[in-house]
Protein backbone atom coordinates (compact mmCIF):
# COMPACT_ATOMS: atom_id res chain seq x y z
CA MET A 1 10.91 -13.46 -1.19
CA LEU A 2 8.98 -10.95 0.73
CA SER A 3 10.04 -8.80 3.09
CA PRO A 4 9.38 -9.45 7.07
CA GLU A 5 7.56 -6.44 7.43
CA LEU A 6 4.97 -7.37 4.82
CA ASP A 7 4.67 -11.09 7.16
CA LEU A 8 3.37 -7.86 9.86
CA VAL A 9 -0.31 -8.22 7.77
CA LYS A 10 -0.05 -11.23 5.86
CA ASP A 11 -3.04 -12.54 7.34
CA ASN A 12 -4.54 -9.29 8.71
CA TRP A 13 -5.28 -7.21 5.93
CA GLN A 14 -8.10 -6.30 4.69
CA PHE A 15 -7.79 -4.65 1.38
CA SER A 16 -5.04 -3.45 -1.31
CA GLU A 17 -4.38 -0.55 -3.44
CA VAL A 18 -2.13 0.41 -5.89
CA TRP A 19 -0.46 3.88 -6.08
CA ILE A 20 1.60 5.51 -9.06
CA ASP A 21 3.65 8.58 -9.52
CA PRO A 22 2.60 9.31 -13.40
CA ALA A 23 5.73 11.91 -13.46
CA LEU A 24 8.41 9.16 -14.16
CA SER A 25 8.33 7.15 -16.87
CA PRO A 26 7.63 4.31 -16.39
CA PRO A 27 5.77 5.19 -13.13
CA TYR A 28 6.49 3.83 -9.91
CA LEU A 29 4.37 2.04 -8.10
CA LEU A 30 4.10 1.55 -4.58
CA LEU A 31 1.34 -0.72 -2.33
CA LEU A 32 -0.84 0.02 0.34
CA LEU A 33 -2.49 -2.77 2.54
CA GLY A 34 -5.12 -1.98 4.86
CA ALA A 35 -5.00 -4.07 8.09
CA SER A 36 -8.31 -5.21 9.58
CA ASP A 37 -7.23 -2.86 13.00
CA GLY A 38 -7.53 0.14 10.58
CA ARG A 39 -3.61 0.62 10.35
CA CYS A 40 -2.29 1.13 6.75
CA HIS A 41 1.31 0.12 5.49
CA ILE A 42 2.80 1.40 2.18
CA TYR A 43 5.21 -0.94 0.39
CA ASP A 44 7.54 -0.50 -2.39
CA PRO A 45 7.67 -3.77 -4.75
CA ALA A 46 10.93 -2.15 -6.66
CA GLU A 47 12.72 -2.65 -3.25
CA GLY A 48 11.65 -6.09 -2.37
CA TYR A 49 8.27 -4.78 -0.26
CA ARG A 50 10.05 -2.82 1.44
CA LEU A 51 7.75 -1.24 4.37
CA ILE A 52 8.34 2.38 3.46
CA PHE A 53 5.68 4.21 5.69
CA GLN A 54 2.98 3.06 7.92
CA SER A 55 0.07 4.96 9.50
CA ASP A 56 -3.26 4.42 12.53
CA ASN A 57 -5.36 4.93 9.31
CA TYR A 58 -6.74 5.17 5.98
CA ASP A 59 -6.40 9.26 5.92
CA GLU A 60 -3.01 9.47 7.11
CA ALA A 61 -1.75 7.05 4.66
CA GLN A 62 -3.76 8.69 1.78
CA PHE A 63 -2.50 12.28 2.67
CA TRP A 64 1.52 10.94 2.65
CA LEU A 65 0.53 9.32 -0.94
CA LEU A 66 -0.93 12.34 -2.10
CA GLU A 67 1.72 14.82 -0.61
CA ASP A 68 4.14 12.97 -2.44
CA GLU A 69 2.15 13.35 -6.01
CA TYR A 70 0.93 10.04 -5.61
CA GLU A 71 -2.34 8.64 -7.33
CA PRO A 72 -4.38 5.87 -6.69
CA LEU A 73 -5.12 3.66 -9.65
CA GLU A 74 -8.98 3.00 -10.13
CA GLY A 75 -10.21 0.10 -8.33
CA ARG A 76 -9.28 -1.64 -4.52
CA LEU A 77 -8.72 -5.50 -4.07
CA LYS A 78 -10.38 -6.56 -0.83
CA ALA A 79 -9.20 -9.95 0.98
CA SER A 80 -12.68 -11.04 1.15
CA GLU A 81 -13.13 -11.12 -2.57
CA LEU A 82 -10.38 -13.73 -2.77
CA ILE A 83 -11.84 -16.23 0.02
């Protein structure tokens, strides 16, 4: 079951990225969803996709992740590629 917060971007996302904390074993994963209005939401899959951070733009979300020493996995999944 997805968290209610994930429903906020369910049909409004343009891309997703997976970020990892490689210092942990196994690495800890977070999911970044970019909405069509430019906002970004970061979810924790280990906690039922609980919303843990949101920002008005990608740069703020990226800074938050990098500040906590997360690294992006290569690649980005775009919603338009799934349709």
